[in-house]
Amino acid sequence: MTHSYVDFEAGSVRELLARAYEHAYDQGWTDGLPIIPATLEDVQQFIAASGRRADELIGIVPPRKGEATVEAIAVNAIMAGCRPEYMPVVIAAVEGLTDPQFPLEPMQVSTNAMTPFLLINGPVRRKLDINCGVGCLGPGWRANATIGRAIRLILNNIGGALPGVYSAASFGSPLRYSYICGENEEASPWMPFHVDRGFARGQSTVTVFRASNFCNLSGGEGVGPDEILRHIATSMPPMYGGGGVLLLLGANHSQALHEAGLSKRDIQERLWELARFPVSYFAKAYAAAERAAGRGDADTVWRSKSPDEILIIVAGGPGPQDVYIGAGLPMTRLIHGS
């Protein structure tokens, strides 16, 4: 992607916005939605907000091996509709995604519509108004929508993951527009996820996951902790995303389980015991592959190798609802300058 700045000195704003969108679309720089054109002044403002040099290399984005410099990240963040103060979050996410241990390249080129899921922790959630409560995975919040969209534009424009070019996803996914939320730390009776990962509670982090589609689990209210977990477990079929489980527990169930004396570890262990399915449910080749991967035996297929692969996060608003996401193990980065 060649940086192209817009000169607003000539023509009406409406005409220039329309021309900028059509030009970006023709060049393959958009996700299909309208974009905010990146003026030189805006790019300079976003670079300044990052606290870094314009030419600083944050990471190499596969499969095209594009260089995600601060300037290139800024251009995509502007097009996505971000505010300048979102830059440290976007940069930290790119750092995690481009870590050599993170399987970004297979995600970019696979026929499976895997996509990064971003989890935000710490004070930056409130500072930037990142939604972690009611509707946190849906529309209506600028920070969630545009930070997630900036990541998608970076993966497409810098990494080259355009549909039919490098990306071979057979169907794609609406989650590839934006897939992000904050943890509802205020509603959680346990320590936040980033503290479990070794960070201080007062630090701000972004965690990136290799994720697949999510499944909303509805019900299980007022039936006791064992039945709540049984209800969740029986709605957790194997979902390709790296072998792990990301469980977003809603406010009602997390409080009920805590009041029953369960820790996050207790929940992990109980779900690991319960989320098992008879081999007869699956194709023979699939069941054999799960056994070879350590997620099954002669009689059952397990949802994960061990309790450690079931990650518990509190998010969302009131109601007997939880969200289950098939996800690979996470990569967490500190958000600097937030």
C-alpha atoms as a PDB file:
ATOM      1  CA  MET A   1       0.000   0.000   0.000  1.00  0.00           C
ATOM      2  CA  THR A   2       1.441   3.376  -1.043  1.00  0.00           C
ATOM      3  CA  HIS A   3       0.610   6.201   1.345  1.00  0.00           C
ATOM      4  CA  SER A   4      -1.793   8.619  -0.344  1.00  0.00           C
ATOM      5  CA  TYR A   5      -2.699  11.818   1.456  1.00  0.00           C
ATOM      6  CA  VAL A   6      -5.706  13.948   0.611  1.00  0.00           C
ATOM      7  CA  ASP A   7      -5.591  17.688  -0.071  1.00  0.00           C
ATOM      8  CA  PHE A   8      -8.753  19.350   1.214  1.00  0.00           C
ATOM      9  CA  GLU A   9      -7.986  22.757  -0.252  1.00  0.00           C
ATOM     10  CA  ALA A  10      -9.967  22.248  -3.436  1.00  0.00           C
ATOM     11  CA  GLY A  11     -13.544  21.132  -3.987  1.00  0.00           C
ATOM     12  CA  SER A  12     -16.359  20.543  -1.556  1.00  0.00           C
ATOM     13  CA  VAL A  13     -15.901  18.266   1.439  1.00  0.00           C
ATOM     14  CA  ARG A  14     -18.614  15.961   0.125  1.00  0.00           C
ATOM     15  CA  GLU A  15     -16.949  15.631  -3.274  1.00  0.00           C
ATOM     16  CA  LEU A  16     -13.536  15.002  -1.755  1.00  0.00           C
ATOM     17  CA  LEU A  17     -14.846  12.382   0.662  1.00  0.00           C
ATOM     18  CA  ALA A  18     -16.633  10.605  -2.165  1.00  0.00           C
ATOM     19  CA  ARG A  19     -13.548  10.724  -4.379  1.00  0.00           C
ATOM     20  CA  ALA A  20     -11.311   9.517  -1.555  1.00  0.00           C
ATOM     21  CA  TYR A  21     -13.593   6.550  -0.853  1.00  0.00           C
ATOM     22  CA  GLU A  22     -13.917   5.583  -4.511  1.00  0.00           C
ATOM     23  CA  HIS A  23     -10.160   5.864  -5.009  1.00  0.00           C
ATOM     24  CA  ALA A  24      -9.408   3.776  -1.904  1.00  0.00           C
ATOM     25  CA  TYR A  25     -11.958   1.169  -2.947  1.00  0.00           C
ATOM     26  CA  ASP A  26     -10.536   0.985  -6.476  1.00  0.00           C
ATOM     27  CA  GLN A  27      -7.050   0.490  -5.007  1.00  0.00           C
ATOM     28  CA  GLY A  28      -8.265  -2.315  -2.720  1.00  0.00           C
ATOM     29  CA  TRP A  29      -7.475  -0.342   0.453  1.00  0.00           C
ATOM     30  CA  THR A  30     -10.868  -0.689   2.142  1.00  0.00           C
ATOM     31  CA  ASP A  31     -12.969  -3.410   3.739  1.00  0.00           C
ATOM     32  CA  GLY A  32     -15.813  -2.273   1.509  1.00  0.00           C
ATOM     33  CA  LEU A  33     -17.073   0.342   3.957  1.00  0.00           C
ATOM     34  CA  PRO A  34     -16.473   4.094   3.577  1.00  0.00           C
ATOM     35  CA  ILE A  35     -13.164   5.366   4.913  1.00  0.00           C
ATOM     36  CA  ILE A  36     -11.837   8.596   6.396  1.00  0.00           C
ATOM     37  CA  PRO A  37      -9.178   9.957   4.008  1.00  0.00           C
ATOM     38  CA  ALA A  38      -5.740  10.328   5.575  1.00  0.00           C
ATOM     39  CA  THR A  39      -4.467  13.892   5.242  1.00  0.00           C
ATOM     40  CA  LEU A  40      -0.831  14.669   5.950  1.00  0.00           C
ATOM     41  CA  GLU A  41      -1.854  16.758   8.956  1.00  0.00           C
ATOM     42  CA  ASP A  42      -3.911  13.873  10.381  1.00  0.00           C
ATOM     43  CA  VAL A  43      -1.099  11.373   9.869  1.00  0.00           C
ATOM     44  CA  GLN A  44       1.324  13.640  11.693  1.00  0.00           C
ATOM     45  CA  GLN A  45      -1.168  14.024  14.561  1.00  0.00           C
ATOM     46  CA  PHE A  46      -1.609  10.256  14.875  1.00  0.00           C
ATOM     47  CA  ILE A  47       2.149   9.661  14.810  1.00  0.00           C
ATOM     48  CA  ALA A  48       2.610  12.255  17.556  1.00  0.00           C
ATOM     49  CA  ALA A  49      -0.106  10.547  19.638  1.00  0.00           C
ATOM     50  CA  SER A  50       1.779   7.264  19.386  1.00  0.00           C
ATOM     51  CA  GLY A  51       4.903   8.755  20.972  1.00  0.00           C
ATOM     52  CA  ARG A  52       7.077   7.020  18.386  1.00  0.00           C
ATOM     53  CA  ARG A  53       8.973   7.829  15.210  1.00  0.00           C
ATOM     54  CA  ALA A  54       7.086   7.640  11.922  1.00  0.00           C
ATOM     55  CA  ASP A  55       9.567   5.139  10.485  1.00  0.00           C
ATOM     56  CA  GLU A  56       9.722   2.891  13.547  1.00  0.00           C
ATOM     57  CA  LEU A  57       9.022  -0.684  12.481  1.00  0.00           C
ATOM     58  CA  ILE A  58       6.434  -2.353  14.709  1.00  0.00           C
ATOM     59  CA  GLY A  59       6.268  -5.660  12.880  1.00  0.00           C
ATOM     60  CA  ILE A  60       6.268  -7.567   9.598  1.00  0.00           C
ATOM     61  CA  VAL A  61       2.768  -8.559   8.480  1.00  0.00           C
ATOM     62  CA  PRO A  62       2.422 -11.799   6.496  1.00  0.00           C
ATOM     63  CA  PRO A  63       1.890 -13.119   3.961  1.00  0.00           C
ATOM     64  CA  ARG A  64       3.121 -10.193   1.866  1.00  0.00           C
ATOM     65  CA  LYS A  65       5.779  -9.405   4.514  1.00  0.00           C
ATOM     66  CA  GLY A  66       4.611  -5.807   4.613  1.00  0.00           C
ATOM     67  CA  GLU A  67       6.326  -3.401   7.001  1.00  0.00           C
ATOM     68  CA  ALA A  68       3.956  -2.109   9.679  1.00  0.00           C
ATOM     69  CA  THR A  69       5.683   1.155  10.495  1.00  0.00           C
ATOM     70  CA  VAL A  70       4.075   3.696  12.796  1.00  0.00           C
ATOM     71  CA  GLU A  71       3.250   5.836   9.750  1.00  0.00           C
ATOM     72  CA  ALA A  72       1.583   2.933   7.901  1.00  0.00           C
ATOM     73  CA  ILE A  73      -0.386   2.008  11.028  1.00  0.00           C
ATOM     74  CA  ALA A  74      -1.482   5.638  11.388  1.00  0.00           C
ATOM     75  CA  VAL A  75      -2.801   5.782   7.813  1.00  0.00           C
ATOM     76  CA  ASN A  76      -4.908   2.667   8.356  1.00  0.00           C
ATOM     77  CA  ALA A  77      -6.134   3.822  11.768  1.00  0.00           C
ATOM     78  CA  ILE A  78      -7.303   7.099  10.233  1.00  0.00           C
ATOM     79  CA  MET A  79      -9.087   5.316   7.396  1.00  0.00           C
ATOM     80  CA  ALA A  80     -10.812   3.083   9.975  1.00  0.00           C
ATOM     81  CA  GLY A  81     -12.179   6.102  11.831  1.00  0.00           C
ATOM     82  CA  CYS A  82      -9.930   5.933  14.904  1.00  0.00           C
ATOM     83  CA  ARG A  83      -9.098   8.857  17.130  1.00  0.00           C
ATOM     84  CA  PRO A  84      -5.388   9.709  17.630  1.00  0.00           C
ATOM     85  CA  GLU A  85      -5.479   8.484  21.231  1.00  0.00           C
ATOM     86  CA  TYR A  86      -6.298   4.970  20.024  1.00  0.00           C
ATOM     87  CA  MET A  87      -2.862   4.608  18.428  1.00  0.00           C
ATOM     88  CA  PRO A  88      -1.085   2.968  21.429  1.00  0.00           C
ATOM     89  CA  VAL A  89      -3.776   0.252  21.514  1.00  0.00           C
ATOM     90  CA  VAL A  90      -3.531  -0.416  17.780  1.00  0.00           C
ATOM     91  CA  ILE A  91       0.273  -0.528  17.944  1.00  0.00           C
ATOM     92  CA  ALA A  92       0.269  -2.947  20.898  1.00  0.00           C
ATOM     93  CA  ALA A  93      -2.148  -5.212  19.017  1.00  0.00           C
ATOM     94  CA  VAL A  94       0.109  -5.206  15.952  1.00  0.00           C
ATOM     95  CA  GLU A  95       3.067  -6.072  18.193  1.00  0.00           C
ATOM     96  CA  GLY A  96       1.199  -9.121  19.479  1.00  0.00           C
ATOM     97  CA  LEU A  97      -0.044 -10.209  16.075  1.00  0.00           C
ATOM     98  CA  THR A  98       3.404 -10.008  14.492  1.00  0.00           C
ATOM     99  CA  ASP A  99       5.198 -11.857  17.290  1.00  0.00           C
ATOM    100  CA  PRO A 100       6.931 -14.858  15.654  1.00  0.00           C
ATOM    101  CA  GLN A 101       5.109 -17.205  18.053  1.00  0.00           C
ATOM    102  CA  PHE A 102       1.679 -15.966  16.982  1.00  0.00           C
ATOM    103  CA  PRO A 103       0.249 -17.973  14.033  1.00  0.00           C
ATOM    104  CA  LEU A 104      -0.774 -14.973  11.956  1.00  0.00           C
ATOM    105  CA  GLU A 105       0.280 -16.263   8.539  1.00  0.00           C
ATOM    106  CA  PRO A 106      -1.942 -19.379   8.622  1.00  0.00           C
ATOM    107  CA  MET A 107      -4.840 -17.145   9.672  1.00  0.00           C
ATOM    108  CA  GLN A 108      -4.212 -14.817   6.758  1.00  0.00           C
ATOM    109  CA  VAL A 109      -4.168 -17.487   4.046  1.00  0.00           C
ATOM    110  CA  SER A 110      -6.378 -20.311   5.361  1.00  0.00           C
ATOM    111  CA  THR A 111      -9.700 -21.343   3.811  1.00  0.00           C
ATOM    112  CA  ASN A 112     -11.008 -21.213   7.408  1.00  0.00           C
ATOM    113  CA  ALA A 113     -12.324 -17.763   8.337  1.00  0.00           C
ATOM    114  CA  MET A 114     -10.228 -17.418  11.493  1.00  0.00           C
ATOM    115  CA  THR A 115      -9.578 -13.884  12.673  1.00  0.00           C
ATOM    116  CA  PRO A 116      -7.839 -12.106  15.549  1.00  0.00           C
ATOM    117  CA  PHE A 117      -9.908 -11.397  18.650  1.00  0.00           C
ATOM    118  CA  LEU A 118      -8.679  -8.488  20.773  1.00  0.00           C
ATOM    119  CA  LEU A 119      -9.249  -8.279  24.542  1.00  0.00           C
ATOM    120  CA  ILE A 120      -8.506  -4.981  26.296  1.00  0.00           C
ATOM    121  CA  ASN A 121      -7.678  -4.795  30.000  1.00  0.00           C
ATOM    122  CA  GLY A 122      -6.760  -2.083  32.450  1.00  0.00           C
ATOM    123  CA  PRO A 123      -7.483   1.649  32.843  1.00  0.00           C
ATOM    124  CA  VAL A 124      -7.350   2.282  29.081  1.00  0.00           C
ATOM    125  CA  ARG A 125     -10.826   0.744  28.795  1.00  0.00           C
ATOM    126  CA  ARG A 126     -12.400   3.652  30.643  1.00  0.00           C
ATOM    127  CA  LYS A 127     -10.037   6.261  29.269  1.00  0.00           C
ATOM    128  CA  LEU A 128     -10.949   5.412  25.664  1.00  0.00           C
ATOM    129  CA  ASP A 129     -14.541   4.300  26.363  1.00  0.00           C
ATOM    130  CA  ILE A 130     -13.937   0.740  25.162  1.00  0.00           C
ATOM    131  CA  ASN A 131     -17.123  -1.242  25.669  1.00  0.00           C
ATOM    132  CA  CYS A 132     -16.864  -4.197  28.025  1.00  0.00           C
ATOM    133  CA  GLY A 133     -20.497  -4.369  29.194  1.00  0.00           C
ATOM    134  CA  VAL A 134     -23.877  -4.460  27.461  1.00  0.00           C
ATOM    135  CA  GLY A 135     -23.448  -5.122  23.735  1.00  0.00           C
ATOM    136  CA  CYS A 136     -19.644  -5.273  23.966  1.00  0.00           C
ATOM    137  CA  LEU A 137     -19.297  -7.473  20.866  1.00  0.00           C
ATOM    138  CA  GLY A 138     -21.783  -5.482  18.820  1.00  0.00           C
ATOM    139  CA  PRO A 139     -22.172  -2.055  17.243  1.00  0.00           C
ATOM    140  CA  GLY A 140     -22.502   1.325  18.891  1.00  0.00           C
ATOM    141  CA  TRP A 141     -19.033   2.015  20.334  1.00  0.00           C
ATOM    142  CA  ARG A 142     -16.546   3.981  18.290  1.00  0.00           C
ATOM    143  CA  ALA A 143     -13.427   2.658  20.038  1.00  0.00           C
ATOM    144  CA  ASN A 144     -14.401  -1.001  19.649  1.00  0.00           C
ATOM    145  CA  ALA A 145     -15.555  -0.600  16.051  1.00  0.00           C
ATOM    146  CA  THR A 146     -12.634   1.440  14.775  1.00  0.00           C
ATOM    147  CA  ILE A 147      -9.743  -0.182  16.671  1.00  0.00           C
ATOM    148  CA  GLY A 148     -10.901  -3.586  15.450  1.00  0.00           C
ATOM    149  CA  ARG A 149     -11.413  -2.230  11.947  1.00  0.00           C
ATOM    150  CA  ALA A 150      -7.937  -0.657  11.947  1.00  0.00           C
ATOM    151  CA  ILE A 151      -6.456  -4.095  12.641  1.00  0.00           C
ATOM    152  CA  ARG A 152      -8.397  -5.567   9.708  1.00  0.00           C
ATOM    153  CA  LEU A 153      -7.220  -2.797   7.351  1.00  0.00           C
ATOM    154  CA  ILE A 154      -3.634  -3.335   8.518  1.00  0.00           C
ATOM    155  CA  LEU A 155      -3.900  -7.086   7.881  1.00  0.00           C
ATOM    156  CA  ASN A 156      -5.348  -6.413   4.429  1.00  0.00           C
ATOM    157  CA  ASN A 157      -3.355  -3.402   3.287  1.00  0.00           C
ATOM    158  CA  ILE A 158       0.033  -4.121   4.820  1.00  0.00           C
ATOM    159  CA  GLY A 159      -0.206  -7.905   4.977  1.00  0.00           C
ATOM    160  CA  GLY A 160      -2.026  -8.373   1.690  1.00  0.00           C
ATOM    161  CA  ALA A 161      -4.870 -10.529   3.043  1.00  0.00           C
ATOM    162  CA  LEU A 162      -7.395  -9.423   0.453  1.00  0.00           C
ATOM    163  CA  PRO A 163     -10.116 -11.925  -0.461  1.00  0.00           C
ATOM    164  CA  GLY A 164      -9.054 -13.957  -3.461  1.00  0.00           C
ATOM    165  CA  VAL A 165      -5.531 -12.485  -3.426  1.00  0.00           C
ATOM    166  CA  TYR A 166      -3.774 -14.027  -0.419  1.00  0.00           C
ATOM    167  CA  SER A 167      -6.803 -14.701   1.774  1.00  0.00           C
ATOM    168  CA  ALA A 168      -8.454 -17.970   0.718  1.00  0.00           C
ATOM    169  CA  ALA A 169     -11.242 -17.963   3.332  1.00  0.00           C
ATOM    170  CA  SER A 170     -14.043 -19.871   1.634  1.00  0.00           C
ATOM    171  CA  PHE A 171     -16.845 -17.826   3.194  1.00  0.00           C
ATOM    172  CA  GLY A 172     -15.130 -15.131   5.216  1.00  0.00           C
ATOM    173  CA  SER A 173     -16.794 -13.832   8.366  1.00  0.00           C
ATOM    174  CA  PRO A 174     -18.460 -10.628   9.581  1.00  0.00           C
ATOM    175  CA  LEU A 175     -16.099 -10.905  12.562  1.00  0.00           C
ATOM    176  CA  ARG A 176     -13.315  -9.879  10.204  1.00  0.00           C
ATOM    177  CA  TYR A 177     -14.638  -6.325  10.218  1.00  0.00           C
ATOM    178  CA  SER A 178     -13.998  -5.893  13.952  1.00  0.00           C
ATOM    179  CA  TYR A 179     -13.669  -8.432  16.783  1.00  0.00           C
ATOM    180  CA  ILE A 180     -12.811  -6.767  20.081  1.00  0.00           C
ATOM    181  CA  CYS A 181     -14.076  -5.993  23.572  1.00  0.00           C
ATOM    182  CA  GLY A 182     -12.825  -5.032  26.984  1.00  0.00           C
ATOM    183  CA  GLU A 183     -13.018  -7.250  30.054  1.00  0.00           C
ATOM    184  CA  ASN A 184     -15.750  -6.136  32.455  1.00  0.00           C
ATOM    185  CA  GLU A 185     -13.331  -5.926  35.364  1.00  0.00           C
ATOM    186  CA  GLU A 186     -15.782  -3.953  37.498  1.00  0.00           C
ATOM    187  CA  ALA A 187     -18.372  -6.764  37.298  1.00  0.00           C
ATOM    188  CA  SER A 188     -15.834  -9.532  37.800  1.00  0.00           C
ATOM    189  CA  PRO A 189     -15.499 -11.172  41.228  1.00  0.00           C
ATOM    190  CA  TRP A 190     -12.044 -12.452  40.277  1.00  0.00           C
ATOM    191  CA  MET A 191      -8.743 -10.950  39.211  1.00  0.00           C
ATOM    192  CA  PRO A 192      -8.718  -9.596  35.631  1.00  0.00           C
ATOM    193  CA  PHE A 193      -7.272 -11.663  32.810  1.00  0.00           C
ATOM    194  CA  HIS A 194      -4.150  -9.505  32.405  1.00  0.00           C
ATOM    195  CA  VAL A 195      -3.315  -9.948  36.104  1.00  0.00           C
ATOM    196  CA  ASP A 196      -3.517 -13.717  35.568  1.00  0.00           C
ATOM    197  CA  ARG A 197      -1.020 -13.144  32.765  1.00  0.00           C
ATOM    198  CA  GLY A 198       1.479 -11.467  35.115  1.00  0.00           C
ATOM    199  CA  PHE A 199       0.677  -7.780  34.617  1.00  0.00           C
ATOM    200  CA  ALA A 200      -0.240  -5.290  37.326  1.00  0.00           C
ATOM    201  CA  ARG A 201      -3.906  -4.391  37.693  1.00  0.00           C
ATOM    202  CA  GLY A 202      -3.125  -0.731  36.971  1.00  0.00           C
ATOM    203  CA  GLN A 203      -1.407  -1.546  33.665  1.00  0.00           C
ATOM    204  CA  SER A 204      -3.265  -1.556  30.357  1.00  0.00           C
ATOM    205  CA  THR A 205      -2.880  -4.455  27.938  1.00  0.00           C
ATOM    206  CA  VAL A 206      -4.219  -5.871  24.719  1.00  0.00           C
ATOM    207  CA  THR A 207      -4.360  -9.624  24.227  1.00  0.00           C
ATOM    208  CA  VAL A 208      -4.716 -11.104  20.756  1.00  0.00           C
ATOM    209  CA  PHE A 209      -6.172 -14.557  20.145  1.00  0.00           C
ATOM    210  CA  ARG A 210      -6.396 -16.721  17.060  1.00  0.00           C
ATOM    211  CA  ALA A 211     -10.151 -17.051  17.088  1.00  0.00           C
ATOM    212  CA  SER A 212     -12.984 -18.656  15.217  1.00  0.00           C
ATOM    213  CA  ASN A 213     -16.668 -17.861  15.281  1.00  0.00           C
ATOM    214  CA  PHE A 214     -18.370 -17.424  18.614  1.00  0.00           C
ATOM    215  CA  CYS A 215     -21.408 -19.159  20.030  1.00  0.00           C
ATOM    216  CA  ASN A 216     -23.799 -17.293  22.319  1.00  0.00           C
ATOM    217  CA  LEU A 217     -24.920 -19.554  25.176  1.00  0.00           C
ATOM    218  CA  SER A 218     -28.313 -18.572  26.510  1.00  0.00           C
ATOM    219  CA  GLY A 219     -29.995 -19.849  29.687  1.00  0.00           C
ATOM    220  CA  GLY A 220     -28.973 -21.776  32.773  1.00  0.00           C
ATOM    221  CA  GLU A 221     -30.261 -19.161  35.216  1.00  0.00           C
ATOM    222  CA  GLY A 222     -31.207 -20.056  38.794  1.00  0.00           C
ATOM    223  CA  VAL A 223     -30.268 -23.733  38.581  1.00  0.00           C
ATOM    224  CA  GLY A 224     -27.129 -23.805  40.737  1.00  0.00           C
ATOM    225  CA  PRO A 225     -23.424 -23.769  39.869  1.00  0.00           C
ATOM    226  CA  ASP A 226     -23.134 -27.365  38.701  1.00  0.00           C
ATOM    227  CA  GLU A 227     -26.019 -27.044  36.270  1.00  0.00           C
ATOM    228  CA  ILE A 228     -24.787 -23.663  35.003  1.00  0.00           C
ATOM    229  CA  LEU A 229     -21.445 -25.242  34.118  1.00  0.00           C
ATOM    230  CA  ARG A 230     -23.100 -28.333  32.666  1.00  0.00           C
ATOM    231  CA  HIS A 231     -25.285 -26.091  30.507  1.00  0.00           C
ATOM    232  CA  ILE A 232     -22.218 -24.210  29.270  1.00  0.00           C
ATOM    233  CA  ALA A 233     -20.174 -27.368  28.661  1.00  0.00           C
ATOM    234  CA  THR A 234     -22.835 -29.133  26.623  1.00  0.00           C
ATOM    235  CA  SER A 235     -22.981 -26.070  24.344  1.00  0.00           C
ATOM    236  CA  MET A 236     -19.234 -26.158  23.662  1.00  0.00           C
ATOM    237  CA  PRO A 237     -18.722 -28.445  20.661  1.00  0.00           C
ATOM    238  CA  PRO A 238     -15.254 -28.556  19.128  1.00  0.00           C
ATOM    239  CA  MET A 239     -14.650 -25.388  17.130  1.00  0.00           C
ATOM    240  CA  TYR A 240     -11.412 -25.046  15.211  1.00  0.00           C
ATOM    241  CA  GLY A 241      -9.328 -22.169  16.479  1.00  0.00           C
ATOM    242  CA  GLY A 242      -6.228 -23.681  17.993  1.00  0.00           C
ATOM    243  CA  GLY A 243      -7.619 -26.192  20.445  1.00  0.00           C
ATOM    244  CA  GLY A 244      -8.401 -23.759  23.258  1.00  0.00           C
ATOM    245  CA  VAL A 245     -11.540 -22.188  24.674  1.00  0.00           C
ATOM    246  CA  LEU A 246     -12.215 -18.541  25.402  1.00  0.00           C
ATOM    247  CA  LEU A 247     -15.281 -18.273  27.621  1.00  0.00           C
ATOM    248  CA  LEU A 248     -16.767 -14.823  28.156  1.00  0.00           C
ATOM    249  CA  LEU A 249     -18.837 -15.265  31.287  1.00  0.00           C
ATOM    250  CA  GLY A 250     -21.702 -12.821  31.657  1.00  0.00           C
ATOM    251  CA  ALA A 251     -22.298 -10.826  34.827  1.00  0.00           C
ATOM    252  CA  ASN A 252     -25.095 -13.089  36.142  1.00  0.00           C
ATOM    253  CA  HIS A 253     -23.293 -16.381  35.836  1.00  0.00           C
ATOM    254  CA  SER A 254     -19.925 -15.093  37.026  1.00  0.00           C
ATOM    255  CA  GLN A 255     -21.542 -13.706  40.176  1.00  0.00           C
ATOM    256  CA  ALA A 256     -23.561 -16.885  40.797  1.00  0.00           C
ATOM    257  CA  LEU A 257     -20.492 -19.090  40.419  1.00  0.00           C
ATOM    258  CA  HIS A 258     -18.432 -16.846  42.687  1.00  0.00           C
ATOM    259  CA  GLU A 259     -21.137 -16.821  45.369  1.00  0.00           C
ATOM    260  CA  ALA A 260     -21.083 -20.625  45.250  1.00  0.00           C
ATOM    261  CA  GLY A 261     -17.396 -20.447  46.183  1.00  0.00           C
ATOM    262  CA  LEU A 262     -15.899 -21.304  42.786  1.00  0.00           C
ATOM    263  CA  SER A 263     -12.631 -19.812  41.631  1.00  0.00           C
ATOM    264  CA  LYS A 264     -11.686 -19.442  37.975  1.00  0.00           C
ATOM    265  CA  ARG A 265      -9.536 -22.541  38.369  1.00  0.00           C
ATOM    266  CA  ASP A 266     -12.503 -24.501  39.740  1.00  0.00           C
ATOM    267  CA  ILE A 267     -14.528 -23.466  36.675  1.00  0.00           C
ATOM    268  CA  GLN A 268     -11.730 -24.456  34.295  1.00  0.00           C
ATOM    269  CA  GLU A 269     -11.399 -27.894  35.848  1.00  0.00           C
ATOM    270  CA  ARG A 270     -15.131 -28.584  35.957  1.00  0.00           C
ATOM    271  CA  LEU A 271     -15.657 -27.501  32.337  1.00  0.00           C
ATOM    272  CA  TRP A 272     -12.716 -29.643  31.254  1.00  0.00           C
ATOM    273  CA  GLU A 273     -14.404 -32.642  32.872  1.00  0.00           C
ATOM    274  CA  LEU A 274     -17.828 -31.858  31.409  1.00  0.00           C
ATOM    275  CA  ALA A 275     -17.022 -30.675  27.863  1.00  0.00           C
ATOM    276  CA  ARG A 276     -16.521 -34.134  26.365  1.00  0.00           C
ATOM    277  CA  PHE A 277     -18.489 -35.769  23.598  1.00  0.00           C
ATOM    278  CA  PRO A 278     -18.865 -39.372  22.406  1.00  0.00           C
ATOM    279  CA  VAL A 279     -16.633 -40.394  19.531  1.00  0.00           C
ATOM    280  CA  SER A 280     -19.770 -41.474  17.693  1.00  0.00           C
ATOM    281  CA  TYR A 281     -20.731 -37.789  17.253  1.00  0.00           C
ATOM    282  CA  PHE A 282     -17.808 -37.197  14.908  1.00  0.00           C
ATOM    283  CA  ALA A 283     -16.352 -38.370  11.636  1.00  0.00           C
ATOM    284  CA  LYS A 284     -13.748 -41.072  12.246  1.00  0.00           C
ATOM    285  CA  ALA A 285     -10.925 -39.050  10.727  1.00  0.00           C
ATOM    286  CA  TYR A 286     -11.777 -36.032  12.899  1.00  0.00           C
ATOM    287  CA  ALA A 287     -11.949 -38.117  16.078  1.00  0.00           C
ATOM    288  CA  ALA A 288      -8.598 -39.708  15.211  1.00  0.00           C
ATOM    289  CA  ALA A 289      -7.025 -36.303  14.646  1.00  0.00           C
ATOM    290  CA  GLU A 290      -8.325 -35.059  18.010  1.00  0.00           C
ATOM    291  CA  ARG A 291      -6.859 -38.111  19.756  1.00  0.00           C
ATOM    292  CA  ALA A 292      -3.512 -37.495  18.057  1.00  0.00           C
ATOM    293  CA  ALA A 293      -3.632 -33.864  19.256  1.00  0.00           C
ATOM    294  CA  GLY A 294      -4.232 -34.971  22.857  1.00  0.00           C
ATOM    295  CA  ARG A 295      -7.898 -34.002  22.907  1.00  0.00           C
ATOM    296  CA  GLY A 296      -9.552 -37.388  23.081  1.00  0.00           C
ATOM    297  CA  ASP A 297      -9.383 -41.090  23.822  1.00  0.00           C
ATOM    298  CA  ALA A 298     -11.016 -44.211  22.420  1.00  0.00           C
ATOM    299  CA  ASP A 299     -14.457 -43.195  23.684  1.00  0.00           C
ATOM    300  CA  THR A 300     -14.654 -39.404  23.827  1.00  0.00           C
ATOM    301  CA  VAL A 301     -13.482 -36.191  22.202  1.00  0.00           C
ATOM    302  CA  TRP A 302     -12.457 -33.477  24.667  1.00  0.00           C
ATOM    303  CA  ARG A 303     -12.916 -29.770  24.162  1.00  0.00           C
ATOM    304  CA  SER A 304      -9.341 -29.017  25.262  1.00  0.00           C
ATOM    305  CA  LYS A 305      -6.178 -30.828  26.261  1.00  0.00           C
ATOM    306  CA  SER A 306      -6.278 -29.535  29.809  1.00  0.00           C
ATOM    307  CA  PRO A 307      -8.062 -27.025  32.081  1.00  0.00           C
ATOM    308  CA  ASP A 308      -5.297 -24.531  31.263  1.00  0.00           C
ATOM    309  CA  GLU A 309      -6.667 -24.155  27.721  1.00  0.00           C
ATOM    310  CA  ILE A 310     -10.056 -22.961  28.998  1.00  0.00           C
ATOM    311  CA  LEU A 311      -9.671 -19.227  29.546  1.00  0.00           C
ATOM    312  CA  ILE A 312     -12.241 -17.427  31.716  1.00  0.00           C
ATOM    313  CA  ILE A 313     -13.024 -13.739  31.152  1.00  0.00           C
ATOM    314  CA  VAL A 314     -15.932 -11.692  32.519  1.00  0.00           C
ATOM    315  CA  ALA A 315     -17.621  -9.483  29.927  1.00  0.00           C
ATOM    316  CA  GLY A 316     -21.014  -8.305  28.770  1.00  0.00           C
ATOM    317  CA  GLY A 317     -24.003  -7.031  30.702  1.00  0.00           C
ATOM    318  CA  PRO A 318     -26.749  -8.494  32.902  1.00  0.00           C
ATOM    319  CA  GLY A 319     -28.635 -11.582  31.789  1.00  0.00           C
ATOM    320  CA  PRO A 320     -28.073 -15.376  31.674  1.00  0.00           C
ATOM    321  CA  GLN A 321     -25.833 -15.139  28.623  1.00  0.00           C
ATOM    322  CA  ASP A 322     -22.264 -16.264  27.974  1.00  0.00           C
ATOM    323  CA  VAL A 323     -20.113 -16.413  24.850  1.00  0.00           C
ATOM    324  CA  TYR A 324     -17.919 -19.309  23.816  1.00  0.00           C
ATOM    325  CA  ILE A 325     -15.116 -18.740  21.299  1.00  0.00           C
ATOM    326  CA  GLY A 326     -12.783 -21.342  19.867  1.00  0.00           C
ATOM    327  CA  ALA A 327      -9.391 -19.725  20.374  1.00  0.00           C
ATOM    328  CA  GLY A 328      -5.703 -20.488  20.312  1.00  0.00           C
ATOM    329  CA  LEU A 329      -3.470 -19.517  23.203  1.00  0.00           C
ATOM    330  CA  PRO A 330      -3.139 -15.743  23.711  1.00  0.00           C
ATOM    331  CA  MET A 331      -0.425 -13.176  23.129  1.00  0.00           C
ATOM    332  CA  THR A 332      -0.535 -10.198  25.544  1.00  0.00           C
ATOM    333  CA  ARG A 333       1.193  -6.854  25.067  1.00  0.00           C
ATOM    334  CA  LEU A 334       1.497  -3.835  27.317  1.00  0.00           C
ATOM    335  CA  ILE A 335      -0.104  -0.672  25.918  1.00  0.00           C
ATOM    336  CA  HIS A 336       2.531   2.034  26.203  1.00  0.00           C
ATOM    337  CA  GLY A 337       1.621   5.697  26.478  1.00  0.00           C
ATOM    338  CA  SER A 338      -2.038   5.023  27.220  1.00  0.00           C
END
